[in-house]
């Protein structure tokens, strides 16, 4: 099975401006794409990466938004990306809360595993973990990437020391992440 390099992206705080504490981004008018995201997505795609968004959306479990509303928001987001010359391969959502003990809520690697199963089933490809990256803005994103076995980028934070044979770096934002990955600056 051919292996392809994949970028796994968190959503809030990486792609769009995060909500205030204890609030959620559930509506298009509140979804503000961060500076540099379009350029970063184009740069990563041109470098041969497949791009998947993997996002925890506890607002569904809490009844603040329905799955259909979140899916519609993601539909708008991917259309906006396309209108700006960007493309993502898919959006994977964990709709569960902290207490649901699911396998897909980051820091567990379930969403990343779902991506792998999806491309294996649909395309006969698998994830090249050696050359793939999880980009997020929280330790739960970093832990999901480490558990799944890919390199990680933590935006705006300090990574904890790891000795697992993978690359773990920090970046200012999505564009800085893309530059470091594509230029091998780690």
N, C-alpha and C. Protein backbone atom coordinates (compact mmCIF):
# COMPACT_ATOMS: atom_id res chain seq x y z
N UNK A 1 0.85 -1.17 0.00
CA UNK A 1 0.00 0.00 0.00
C UNK A 1 0.90 1.24 0.00
N UNK A 2 0.65 2.14 -0.91
CA UNK A 2 1.45 3.37 -1.00
C UNK A 2 1.16 4.27 0.21
N UNK A 3 2.23 4.81 0.80
CA UNK A 3 2.11 5.71 1.95
C UNK A 3 2.26 7.16 1.49
N UNK A 4 1.39 8.03 2.01
CA UNK A 4 1.43 9.45 1.65
C UNK A 4 1.63 10.30 2.90
N UNK A 5 2.36 11.43 2.77
CA UNK A 5 2.53 12.32 3.92
C UNK A 5 1.25 13.12 4.17
N UNK A 6 0.89 13.24 5.42
CA UNK A 6 -0.36 13.89 5.81
C UNK A 6 -0.09 14.98 6.84
N UNK A 7 -0.82 16.07 6.69
CA UNK A 7 -0.87 17.10 7.73
C UNK A 7 -2.22 16.96 8.42
N UNK A 8 -2.18 16.76 9.74
CA UNK A 8 -3.38 16.74 10.56
C UNK A 8 -3.45 18.12 11.23
N UNK A 9 -4.54 18.82 11.04
CA UNK A 9 -4.68 20.16 11.61
C UNK A 9 -5.80 20.23 12.64
N UNK A 10 -5.50 20.82 13.77
CA UNK A 10 -6.55 21.21 14.69
C UNK A 10 -7.28 22.39 14.04
N UNK A 11 -8.45 22.75 14.54
CA UNK A 11 -9.19 23.85 13.94
C UNK A 11 -9.03 25.15 14.74
N UNK A 12 -9.70 25.25 15.86
CA UNK A 12 -9.73 26.50 16.63
C UNK A 12 -8.35 26.84 17.19
N UNK A 13 -7.87 28.04 16.87
CA UNK A 13 -6.56 28.47 17.32
C UNK A 13 -5.45 28.17 16.32
N UNK A 14 -5.75 27.36 15.31
CA UNK A 14 -4.79 27.02 14.27
C UNK A 14 -5.27 27.60 12.93
N UNK A 15 -6.51 27.29 12.59
CA UNK A 15 -7.10 27.76 11.34
C UNK A 15 -7.89 29.05 11.56
N UNK A 16 -8.63 29.08 12.64
CA UNK A 16 -9.49 30.23 12.93
C UNK A 16 -9.23 30.76 14.33
N UNK A 17 -9.64 32.00 14.52
CA UNK A 17 -9.50 32.62 15.84
C UNK A 17 -10.31 31.80 16.85
N UNK A 18 -9.70 31.45 17.97
CA UNK A 18 -10.42 30.63 18.95
C UNK A 18 -11.51 31.42 19.66
N UNK A 19 -12.47 30.69 20.19
CA UNK A 19 -13.53 31.30 20.98
C UNK A 19 -12.96 31.72 22.34
N UNK A 20 -13.70 32.58 23.01
CA UNK A 20 -13.33 32.91 24.39
C UNK A 20 -13.54 31.69 25.26
N UNK A 21 -12.90 31.65 26.43
CA UNK A 21 -13.07 30.49 27.32
C UNK A 21 -14.54 30.18 27.57
N UNK A 22 -14.87 28.90 27.52
CA UNK A 22 -16.21 28.36 27.76
C UNK A 22 -17.22 28.77 26.69
N UNK A 23 -16.72 29.22 25.53
CA UNK A 23 -17.60 29.52 24.40
C UNK A 23 -17.12 28.69 23.21
N UNK A 24 -17.93 28.67 22.15
CA UNK A 24 -17.64 27.83 21.00
C UNK A 24 -17.88 28.60 19.71
N UNK A 25 -17.11 28.25 18.67
CA UNK A 25 -17.31 28.81 17.34
C UNK A 25 -18.27 27.87 16.61
N UNK A 26 -19.51 28.30 16.46
CA UNK A 26 -20.52 27.46 15.84
C UNK A 26 -21.21 28.13 14.65
N UNK A 27 -20.94 29.41 14.45
CA UNK A 27 -21.61 30.15 13.38
C UNK A 27 -20.58 30.77 12.44
N UNK A 28 -20.96 30.86 11.21
CA UNK A 28 -20.09 31.41 10.17
C UNK A 28 -19.60 32.81 10.51
N UNK A 29 -20.46 33.65 11.04
CA UNK A 29 -20.08 35.03 11.34
C UNK A 29 -19.05 35.13 12.47
N UNK A 30 -18.88 34.06 13.24
CA UNK A 30 -17.88 34.05 14.31
C UNK A 30 -16.59 33.36 13.89
N UNK A 31 -16.59 32.78 12.70
CA UNK A 31 -15.46 31.99 12.21
C UNK A 31 -14.53 32.92 11.43
N UNK A 32 -13.42 33.31 12.06
CA UNK A 32 -12.47 34.24 11.46
C UNK A 32 -11.18 33.49 11.16
N UNK A 33 -10.86 33.36 9.86
CA UNK A 33 -9.64 32.68 9.44
C UNK A 33 -8.44 33.51 9.89
N UNK A 34 -7.47 32.86 10.49
CA UNK A 34 -6.28 33.54 10.98
C UNK A 34 -5.36 33.95 9.82
N UNK A 35 -4.59 35.02 10.00
CA UNK A 35 -3.64 35.44 8.95
C UNK A 35 -2.65 34.33 8.61
N UNK A 36 -2.37 34.18 7.33
CA UNK A 36 -1.38 33.22 6.86
C UNK A 36 -1.90 31.82 6.60
N UNK A 37 -3.14 31.55 6.97
CA UNK A 37 -3.66 30.19 6.82
C UNK A 37 -3.76 29.78 5.36
N UNK A 38 -4.29 30.64 4.51
CA UNK A 38 -4.42 30.29 3.09
C UNK A 38 -3.05 29.98 2.48
N UNK A 39 -2.09 30.84 2.74
CA UNK A 39 -0.73 30.62 2.21
C UNK A 39 -0.13 29.34 2.75
N UNK A 40 -0.36 29.05 4.02
CA UNK A 40 0.17 27.84 4.63
C UNK A 40 -0.44 26.60 3.99
N UNK A 41 -1.75 26.62 3.78
CA UNK A 41 -2.41 25.47 3.16
C UNK A 41 -1.89 25.24 1.74
N UNK A 42 -1.73 26.32 0.98
CA UNK A 42 -1.20 26.19 -0.38
C UNK A 42 0.23 25.65 -0.36
N UNK A 43 1.05 26.16 0.56
CA UNK A 43 2.45 25.72 0.68
C UNK A 43 2.53 24.22 1.00
N UNK A 44 1.72 23.78 1.94
CA UNK A 44 1.74 22.37 2.33
C UNK A 44 1.25 21.48 1.19
N UNK A 45 0.20 21.90 0.51
CA UNK A 45 -0.34 21.12 -0.61
C UNK A 45 0.70 21.03 -1.73
N UNK A 46 1.33 22.15 -2.05
CA UNK A 46 2.34 22.17 -3.12
C UNK A 46 3.55 21.31 -2.77
N UNK A 47 3.77 21.08 -1.48
CA UNK A 47 4.88 20.23 -1.04
C UNK A 47 4.49 18.75 -1.00
N UNK A 48 3.27 18.43 -1.42
CA UNK A 48 2.86 17.04 -1.54
C UNK A 48 2.08 16.46 -0.38
N UNK A 49 1.69 17.27 0.58
CA UNK A 49 0.96 16.77 1.73
C UNK A 49 -0.53 16.66 1.44
N UNK A 50 -1.15 15.62 1.96
CA UNK A 50 -2.60 15.54 2.07
C UNK A 50 -2.93 16.31 3.35
N UNK A 51 -4.08 16.98 3.41
CA UNK A 51 -4.42 17.83 4.56
C UNK A 51 -5.79 17.46 5.09
N UNK A 52 -5.82 17.13 6.39
CA UNK A 52 -7.06 16.77 7.06
C UNK A 52 -7.20 17.59 8.35
N UNK A 53 -8.39 18.08 8.60
CA UNK A 53 -8.68 18.78 9.84
C UNK A 53 -9.27 17.77 10.81
N UNK A 54 -8.72 17.74 12.03
CA UNK A 54 -9.19 16.84 13.08
C UNK A 54 -9.51 17.71 14.30
N UNK A 55 -10.79 17.80 14.63
CA UNK A 55 -11.21 18.78 15.63
C UNK A 55 -12.19 18.21 16.65
N UNK A 56 -11.93 18.51 17.92
CA UNK A 56 -12.88 18.21 18.99
C UNK A 56 -13.96 19.29 18.96
N UNK A 57 -15.21 18.89 18.95
CA UNK A 57 -16.32 19.84 18.98
C UNK A 57 -17.33 19.42 20.06
N UNK A 58 -16.90 19.63 21.29
CA UNK A 58 -17.71 19.30 22.46
C UNK A 58 -19.04 20.04 22.48
N UNK A 59 -19.14 21.14 21.73
CA UNK A 59 -20.39 21.90 21.67
C UNK A 59 -21.55 21.04 21.19
N UNK A 60 -21.28 19.99 20.42
CA UNK A 60 -22.33 19.09 19.95
C UNK A 60 -22.86 18.27 21.12
N UNK A 61 -21.97 17.71 21.92
CA UNK A 61 -22.38 16.91 23.08
C UNK A 61 -23.13 17.77 24.10
N UNK A 62 -22.78 19.03 24.18
CA UNK A 62 -23.43 19.92 25.14
C UNK A 62 -24.74 20.50 24.62
N UNK A 63 -25.09 20.20 23.38
CA UNK A 63 -26.35 20.69 22.82
C UNK A 63 -26.32 22.14 22.40
N UNK A 64 -25.15 22.73 22.30
CA UNK A 64 -25.01 24.13 21.91
C UNK A 64 -25.16 24.28 20.40
N UNK A 65 -24.73 23.26 19.67
CA UNK A 65 -24.87 23.22 18.22
C UNK A 65 -25.13 21.77 17.81
N UNK A 66 -25.84 21.59 16.72
CA UNK A 66 -26.08 20.23 16.22
C UNK A 66 -24.92 19.80 15.32
N UNK A 67 -24.84 18.53 15.08
CA UNK A 67 -23.83 18.01 14.16
C UNK A 67 -24.02 18.63 12.78
N UNK A 68 -25.28 18.78 12.37
CA UNK A 68 -25.58 19.37 11.07
C UNK A 68 -25.10 20.81 10.99
N UNK A 69 -25.24 21.57 12.07
CA UNK A 69 -24.75 22.96 12.07
C UNK A 69 -23.23 23.02 11.96
N UNK A 70 -22.56 22.15 12.67
CA UNK A 70 -21.09 22.12 12.61
C UNK A 70 -20.63 21.64 11.23
N UNK A 71 -21.30 20.63 10.68
CA UNK A 71 -20.95 20.17 9.34
C UNK A 71 -21.17 21.28 8.31
N UNK A 72 -22.25 22.06 8.46
CA UNK A 72 -22.51 23.18 7.54
C UNK A 72 -21.41 24.24 7.67
N UNK A 73 -20.97 24.51 8.90
CA UNK A 73 -19.88 25.46 9.11
C UNK A 73 -18.61 24.97 8.41
N UNK A 74 -18.34 23.69 8.53
CA UNK A 74 -17.14 23.13 7.89
C UNK A 74 -17.29 23.12 6.37
N UNK A 75 -18.51 22.93 5.88
CA UNK A 75 -18.75 23.03 4.45
C UNK A 75 -18.44 24.42 3.94
N UNK A 76 -18.90 25.43 4.67
CA UNK A 76 -18.60 26.81 4.30
C UNK A 76 -17.08 27.05 4.34
N UNK A 77 -16.42 26.54 5.40
CA UNK A 77 -14.98 26.73 5.55
C UNK A 77 -14.23 26.14 4.36
N UNK A 78 -14.56 24.92 3.95
CA UNK A 78 -13.85 24.29 2.84
C UNK A 78 -14.15 25.01 1.52
N UNK A 79 -15.35 25.53 1.37
CA UNK A 79 -15.67 26.34 0.18
C UNK A 79 -14.85 27.64 0.18
N UNK A 80 -14.70 28.24 1.34
CA UNK A 80 -13.88 29.45 1.46
C UNK A 80 -12.43 29.15 1.11
N UNK A 81 -11.92 28.03 1.60
CA UNK A 81 -10.56 27.63 1.25
C UNK A 81 -10.43 27.50 -0.27
N UNK A 82 -11.36 26.79 -0.89
CA UNK A 82 -11.30 26.57 -2.34
C UNK A 82 -11.34 27.90 -3.10
N UNK A 83 -12.17 28.84 -2.62
CA UNK A 83 -12.26 30.15 -3.27
C UNK A 83 -10.96 30.93 -3.15
N UNK A 84 -10.12 30.55 -2.18
CA UNK A 84 -8.83 31.20 -1.97
C UNK A 84 -7.66 30.32 -2.41
N UNK A 85 -7.94 29.36 -3.29
CA UNK A 85 -6.89 28.53 -3.86
C UNK A 85 -6.32 27.48 -2.95
N UNK A 86 -7.08 27.07 -1.95
CA UNK A 86 -6.63 26.06 -0.98
C UNK A 86 -7.53 24.83 -1.08
N UNK A 87 -7.05 23.73 -0.57
CA UNK A 87 -7.84 22.52 -0.60
C UNK A 87 -7.50 21.67 0.61
N UNK A 88 -8.53 21.20 1.31
CA UNK A 88 -8.33 20.21 2.37
C UNK A 88 -9.04 18.93 1.95
N UNK A 89 -8.46 17.81 2.33
CA UNK A 89 -8.99 16.52 1.91
C UNK A 89 -10.19 16.06 2.72
N UNK A 90 -10.33 16.59 3.94
CA UNK A 90 -11.46 16.18 4.76
C UNK A 90 -11.42 16.83 6.12
N UNK A 91 -12.58 16.79 6.77
CA UNK A 91 -12.73 17.31 8.13
C UNK A 91 -13.31 16.19 8.98
N UNK A 92 -12.61 15.86 10.05
CA UNK A 92 -13.05 14.81 10.96
C UNK A 92 -13.34 15.43 12.32
N UNK A 93 -14.51 15.12 12.87
CA UNK A 93 -15.01 15.78 14.08
C UNK A 93 -15.27 14.76 15.18
N UNK A 94 -14.80 15.08 16.38
CA UNK A 94 -15.23 14.35 17.57
C UNK A 94 -16.35 15.15 18.21
N UNK A 95 -17.57 14.62 18.24
CA UNK A 95 -18.71 15.35 18.80
C UNK A 95 -18.92 15.10 20.29
N UNK A 96 -18.02 14.38 20.91
CA UNK A 96 -18.21 13.93 22.28
C UNK A 96 -17.70 14.92 23.33
N UNK A 97 -18.18 14.74 24.55
CA UNK A 97 -17.71 15.53 25.68
C UNK A 97 -16.57 14.83 26.40
N UNK A 98 -16.02 15.52 27.38
CA UNK A 98 -14.89 14.97 28.14
C UNK A 98 -15.23 13.66 28.84
N UNK A 99 -16.46 13.51 29.30
CA UNK A 99 -16.84 12.34 30.09
C UNK A 99 -17.36 11.17 29.25
N UNK A 100 -17.40 11.32 27.93
CA UNK A 100 -17.95 10.28 27.08
C UNK A 100 -17.01 9.09 26.88
N UNK A 101 -15.75 9.25 27.22
CA UNK A 101 -14.75 8.19 27.12
C UNK A 101 -14.71 7.55 25.72
N UNK A 102 -14.77 8.40 24.72
CA UNK A 102 -14.69 7.91 23.34
C UNK A 102 -13.22 7.75 22.95
N UNK A 103 -12.99 7.15 21.81
CA UNK A 103 -11.60 6.98 21.35
C UNK A 103 -11.18 8.09 20.39
N UNK A 104 -12.14 8.97 20.03
CA UNK A 104 -11.81 9.99 19.02
C UNK A 104 -11.49 11.36 19.60
N UNK A 105 -11.77 11.59 20.86
CA UNK A 105 -11.51 12.91 21.44
C UNK A 105 -10.02 13.05 21.76
N UNK A 106 -9.39 14.05 21.14
CA UNK A 106 -7.98 14.30 21.44
C UNK A 106 -7.87 14.65 22.93
N UNK A 107 -6.92 14.11 23.64
CA UNK A 107 -5.60 13.66 23.21
C UNK A 107 -5.52 12.22 22.70
N UNK A 108 -6.62 11.48 22.68
CA UNK A 108 -6.58 10.14 22.08
C UNK A 108 -6.41 10.29 20.57
N UNK A 109 -5.80 9.32 19.92
CA UNK A 109 -5.50 9.44 18.49
C UNK A 109 -6.61 8.96 17.55
N UNK A 110 -7.81 8.76 18.06
CA UNK A 110 -8.88 8.17 17.26
C UNK A 110 -9.22 8.89 15.97
N UNK A 111 -9.23 10.24 15.98
CA UNK A 111 -9.54 10.97 14.75
C UNK A 111 -8.46 10.74 13.70
N UNK A 112 -7.21 10.70 14.11
CA UNK A 112 -6.12 10.46 13.17
C UNK A 112 -6.22 9.04 12.61
N UNK A 113 -6.60 8.10 13.45
CA UNK A 113 -6.82 6.73 12.99
C UNK A 113 -7.98 6.66 12.00
N UNK A 114 -9.02 7.47 12.23
CA UNK A 114 -10.16 7.52 11.29
C UNK A 114 -9.71 8.01 9.93
N UNK A 115 -8.84 9.02 9.92
CA UNK A 115 -8.31 9.51 8.64
C UNK A 115 -7.59 8.38 7.92
N UNK A 116 -6.74 7.66 8.64
CA UNK A 116 -6.00 6.57 8.03
C UNK A 116 -6.95 5.52 7.45
N UNK A 117 -7.95 5.11 8.24
CA UNK A 117 -8.91 4.11 7.75
C UNK A 117 -9.64 4.62 6.51
N UNK A 118 -9.99 5.91 6.51
CA UNK A 118 -10.73 6.49 5.39
C UNK A 118 -9.92 6.45 4.10
N UNK A 119 -8.65 6.87 4.17
CA UNK A 119 -7.86 6.88 2.92
C UNK A 119 -7.45 5.46 2.50
N UNK A 120 -7.33 4.56 3.48
CA UNK A 120 -7.05 3.17 3.11
C UNK A 120 -8.24 2.56 2.37
N UNK A 121 -9.43 2.80 2.90
CA UNK A 121 -10.65 2.24 2.30
C UNK A 121 -10.98 2.90 0.97
N UNK A 122 -10.95 4.23 0.94
CA UNK A 122 -11.38 4.97 -0.25
C UNK A 122 -10.35 4.98 -1.37
N UNK A 123 -9.06 4.99 -1.00
CA UNK A 123 -8.03 5.21 -2.01
C UNK A 123 -6.94 4.16 -2.07
N UNK A 124 -6.95 3.22 -1.14
CA UNK A 124 -5.89 2.22 -1.13
C UNK A 124 -4.54 2.79 -0.73
N UNK A 125 -4.54 3.88 0.02
CA UNK A 125 -3.32 4.53 0.50
C UNK A 125 -3.25 4.41 2.01
N UNK A 126 -2.08 4.68 2.56
CA UNK A 126 -1.95 4.75 4.00
C UNK A 126 -1.12 5.99 4.36
N UNK A 127 -1.03 6.27 5.64
CA UNK A 127 -0.32 7.45 6.12
C UNK A 127 1.15 7.13 6.31
N UNK A 128 2.00 7.95 5.73
CA UNK A 128 3.44 7.87 5.93
C UNK A 128 3.75 8.60 7.23
N UNK A 129 3.74 7.88 8.32
CA UNK A 129 3.87 8.51 9.63
C UNK A 129 5.22 9.21 9.82
N UNK A 130 6.26 8.71 9.19
CA UNK A 130 7.58 9.32 9.33
C UNK A 130 7.59 10.76 8.80
N UNK A 131 6.82 11.03 7.77
CA UNK A 131 6.82 12.34 7.13
C UNK A 131 5.51 13.11 7.35
N UNK A 132 4.71 12.69 8.31
CA UNK A 132 3.43 13.35 8.59
C UNK A 132 3.53 14.15 9.88
N UNK A 133 2.61 15.12 10.01
CA UNK A 133 2.64 16.06 11.12
C UNK A 133 1.25 16.32 11.68
N UNK A 134 1.18 16.48 13.00
CA UNK A 134 -0.01 16.99 13.68
C UNK A 134 0.31 18.42 14.10
N UNK A 135 -0.50 19.39 13.63
CA UNK A 135 -0.30 20.79 13.99
C UNK A 135 -1.48 21.21 14.86
N UNK A 136 -1.18 21.66 16.07
CA UNK A 136 -2.22 22.09 16.99
C UNK A 136 -1.74 23.17 17.91
N UNK A 137 -2.66 23.67 18.72
CA UNK A 137 -2.31 24.74 19.65
C UNK A 137 -2.49 24.33 21.11
N UNK A 138 -2.67 23.04 21.36
CA UNK A 138 -2.83 22.58 22.74
C UNK A 138 -2.04 21.29 22.96
N UNK A 139 -1.78 21.01 24.21
CA UNK A 139 -1.07 19.78 24.54
C UNK A 139 -1.88 18.55 24.14
N UNK A 140 -3.21 18.65 24.11
CA UNK A 140 -4.01 17.49 23.69
C UNK A 140 -3.77 17.19 22.21
N UNK A 141 -3.55 18.23 21.40
CA UNK A 141 -3.22 18.01 19.98
C UNK A 141 -1.86 17.33 19.87
N UNK A 142 -0.89 17.86 20.62
CA UNK A 142 0.45 17.28 20.60
C UNK A 142 0.42 15.82 21.05
N UNK A 143 -0.31 15.54 22.11
CA UNK A 143 -0.39 14.17 22.63
C UNK A 143 -1.06 13.23 21.63
N UNK A 144 -2.07 13.72 20.92
CA UNK A 144 -2.73 12.88 19.91
C UNK A 144 -1.74 12.51 18.81
N UNK A 145 -0.96 13.49 18.37
CA UNK A 145 0.05 13.22 17.34
C UNK A 145 1.10 12.23 17.82
N UNK A 146 1.55 12.40 19.05
CA UNK A 146 2.56 11.51 19.61
C UNK A 146 1.99 10.09 19.74
N UNK A 147 0.76 9.98 20.25
CA UNK A 147 0.14 8.65 20.40
C UNK A 147 -0.03 7.96 19.05
N UNK A 148 -0.35 8.73 18.02
CA UNK A 148 -0.54 8.16 16.69
C UNK A 148 0.79 7.84 16.02
N UNK A 149 1.85 8.54 16.41
CA UNK A 149 3.18 8.23 15.89
C UNK A 149 3.68 9.15 14.80
N UNK A 150 3.19 10.42 14.80
CA UNK A 150 3.67 11.38 13.80
C UNK A 150 4.42 12.52 14.49
N UNK A 151 5.11 13.32 13.69
CA UNK A 151 5.79 14.51 14.19
C UNK A 151 4.74 15.53 14.62
N UNK A 152 5.13 16.46 15.50
CA UNK A 152 4.15 17.43 15.98
C UNK A 152 4.69 18.86 15.93
N UNK A 153 3.75 19.78 15.76
CA UNK A 153 4.02 21.21 15.87
C UNK A 153 3.02 21.76 16.87
N UNK A 154 3.53 22.45 17.87
CA UNK A 154 2.66 23.11 18.84
C UNK A 154 2.75 24.61 18.60
N UNK A 155 1.63 25.19 18.23
CA UNK A 155 1.57 26.62 17.94
C UNK A 155 1.42 27.40 19.24
N UNK A 156 2.32 28.36 19.42
CA UNK A 156 2.21 29.30 20.52
C UNK A 156 2.48 28.74 21.90
N UNK A 157 3.12 27.62 22.00
CA UNK A 157 3.37 27.05 23.32
C UNK A 157 4.74 26.43 23.40
N UNK A 158 4.99 25.79 24.52
CA UNK A 158 6.24 25.08 24.73
C UNK A 158 5.95 23.60 24.76
N UNK A 159 6.69 22.85 23.97
CA UNK A 159 6.50 21.41 23.98
C UNK A 159 7.22 20.80 25.17
N UNK A 160 6.69 19.69 25.62
CA UNK A 160 7.37 18.96 26.68
C UNK A 160 8.42 18.06 26.03
N UNK A 161 9.47 17.73 26.76
CA UNK A 161 10.54 16.94 26.15
C UNK A 161 10.06 15.53 25.79
N UNK A 162 10.47 15.07 24.61
CA UNK A 162 10.10 13.73 24.14
C UNK A 162 11.34 13.04 23.61
N UNK A 163 11.35 11.76 23.74
CA UNK A 163 12.44 10.97 23.19
C UNK A 163 11.82 9.76 22.49
N UNK A 164 11.00 10.04 21.48
CA UNK A 164 10.28 8.96 20.81
C UNK A 164 10.69 8.80 19.35
N UNK A 165 11.79 9.45 18.94
CA UNK A 165 12.26 9.32 17.58
C UNK A 165 11.55 10.20 16.58
N UNK A 166 10.62 11.02 17.03
CA UNK A 166 9.88 11.93 16.16
C UNK A 166 10.38 13.35 16.37
N UNK A 167 9.95 14.25 15.49
CA UNK A 167 10.32 15.66 15.60
C UNK A 167 9.18 16.39 16.28
N UNK A 168 9.48 17.19 17.28
CA UNK A 168 8.48 17.98 18.00
C UNK A 168 8.99 19.41 18.07
N UNK A 169 8.27 20.32 17.43
CA UNK A 169 8.71 21.71 17.35
C UNK A 169 7.58 22.65 17.74
N UNK A 170 7.94 23.91 17.93
CA UNK A 170 6.94 24.95 18.18
C UNK A 170 6.97 25.92 17.00
N UNK A 171 5.87 26.67 16.87
CA UNK A 171 5.77 27.67 15.81
C UNK A 171 4.88 28.81 16.30
N UNK A 172 5.03 29.96 15.64
CA UNK A 172 4.20 31.12 15.99
C UNK A 172 2.76 30.97 15.54
N UNK A 173 2.59 30.39 14.34
CA UNK A 173 1.26 30.29 13.74
C UNK A 173 1.30 29.24 12.64
N UNK A 174 0.21 29.13 11.91
CA UNK A 174 0.10 28.13 10.86
C UNK A 174 1.13 28.36 9.75
N UNK A 175 1.34 29.60 9.35
CA UNK A 175 2.30 29.89 8.29
C UNK A 175 3.72 29.54 8.73
N UNK A 176 4.07 29.88 9.94
CA UNK A 176 5.39 29.53 10.48
C UNK A 176 5.54 28.01 10.51
N UNK A 177 4.48 27.30 10.88
CA UNK A 177 4.50 25.83 10.89
C UNK A 177 4.79 25.29 9.50
N UNK A 178 4.05 25.79 8.51
CA UNK A 178 4.22 25.32 7.14
C UNK A 178 5.63 25.57 6.64
N UNK A 179 6.16 26.75 6.93
CA UNK A 179 7.53 27.06 6.50
C UNK A 179 8.54 26.11 7.13
N UNK A 180 8.42 25.90 8.42
CA UNK A 180 9.37 25.01 9.11
C UNK A 180 9.30 23.59 8.54
N UNK A 181 8.09 23.11 8.30
CA UNK A 181 7.93 21.75 7.78
C UNK A 181 8.47 21.65 6.36
N UNK A 182 8.06 22.56 5.48
CA UNK A 182 8.44 22.44 4.08
C UNK A 182 9.90 22.78 3.82
N UNK A 183 10.48 23.61 4.67
CA UNK A 183 11.88 23.98 4.50
C UNK A 183 12.82 23.13 5.36
N UNK A 184 12.25 22.22 6.15
CA UNK A 184 13.07 21.36 7.00
C UNK A 184 13.77 22.11 8.12
N UNK A 185 13.14 23.20 8.62
CA UNK A 185 13.77 24.01 9.67
C UNK A 185 13.27 23.57 11.04
N UNK A 186 13.81 22.47 11.49
CA UNK A 186 13.47 22.02 12.83
C UNK A 186 14.68 21.44 13.47
